[in-house]
Amino acid sequence: MTDILTSVEQCVDRTIAVVGRHLVMGVLDRASPSSSSNVFYHRVADPSLSLHIVTALCLEIPRPAK
């Protein structure tokens, strides 16, 4: 059955209920984080949750090949 969720908090609650307490989130946007990313990040203040964020952003300075 499909449920209609009305808030990001409900979406995060449902995700944790379905996926479990060890979360891995892929984030592609390098601008400001989405509201769902923020809610997940704040939820891991609960020590029973773990969150690993994988980004497509490289913070190293590119070096030319020799």
Protein backbone atom coordinates (compact mmCIF):
# COMPACT_ATOMS: atom_id res chain seq x y z
CA MET A 1 0.00 0.00 0.00
CA THR A 2 1.23 3.48 -0.84
CA ASP A 3 1.27 6.06 1.93
CA ILE A 4 1.32 9.80 1.43
CA LEU A 5 3.81 11.47 3.74
CA THR A 6 3.35 15.13 4.55
CA SER A 7 6.72 16.03 6.07
CA VAL A 8 10.40 15.31 5.70
CA GLU A 9 10.45 14.03 9.29
CA GLN A 10 7.85 11.39 8.39
CA CYS A 11 9.95 10.36 5.40
CA VAL A 12 13.05 9.99 7.58
CA ASP A 13 11.08 8.02 10.20
CA ARG A 14 9.77 5.67 7.50
CA THR A 15 13.23 5.27 5.95
CA ILE A 16 14.79 4.32 9.30
CA ALA A 17 11.93 1.88 9.97
CA VAL A 18 12.41 0.17 6.60
CA VAL A 19 16.19 0.40 6.06
CA GLY A 20 17.40 0.06 9.63
CA ARG A 21 19.66 1.99 11.99
CA HIS A 22 22.82 1.93 9.83
CA LEU A 23 22.25 4.46 7.07
CA VAL A 24 24.30 5.23 3.96
CA MET A 25 23.26 8.31 1.98
CA GLY A 26 24.56 9.34 -1.42
CA VAL A 27 24.59 13.11 -1.97
CA LEU A 28 25.31 14.50 -5.43
CA ASP A 29 24.51 18.18 -4.88
CA ARG A 30 27.47 20.32 -3.87
CA ALA A 31 25.33 23.35 -3.11
CA SER A 32 23.36 23.62 0.11
CA PRO A 33 22.14 20.29 1.51
CA SER A 34 18.56 19.21 0.97
CA SER A 35 16.11 19.34 3.85
CA SER A 36 16.08 15.53 4.02
CA SER A 37 19.90 15.46 4.33
CA ASN A 38 19.66 17.93 7.20
CA VAL A 39 17.04 15.85 9.03
CA PHE A 40 19.06 12.64 8.63
CA TYR A 41 22.19 14.46 9.87
CA HIS A 42 20.42 15.79 12.97
CA ARG A 43 18.85 12.40 13.71
CA VAL A 44 22.24 10.76 14.15
CA ALA A 45 22.62 12.66 17.40
CA ASP A 46 20.86 9.48 18.58
CA PRO A 47 23.81 7.15 19.29
CA SER A 48 21.83 4.09 18.16
CA LEU A 49 21.91 5.46 14.57
CA SER A 50 24.86 5.61 12.23
CA LEU A 51 25.07 7.66 9.06
CA HIS A 52 27.70 7.40 6.33
CA ILE A 53 27.48 10.13 3.69
CA VAL A 54 28.97 9.47 0.26
CA THR A 55 29.41 12.49 -2.00
CA ALA A 56 30.46 13.08 -5.58
CA LEU A 57 32.48 16.09 -4.42
CA CYS A 58 36.25 15.92 -4.52
CA LEU A 59 37.99 18.32 -2.15
CA GLU A 60 41.53 17.59 -3.33
CA ILE A 61 43.36 20.00 -5.63
CA PRO A 62 43.71 18.38 -9.07
CA ARG A 63 47.28 17.64 -10.12
CA PRO A 64 48.22 17.42 -13.81
CA ALA A 65 49.44 14.04 -15.05
CA LYS A 66 53.14 13.86 -15.92
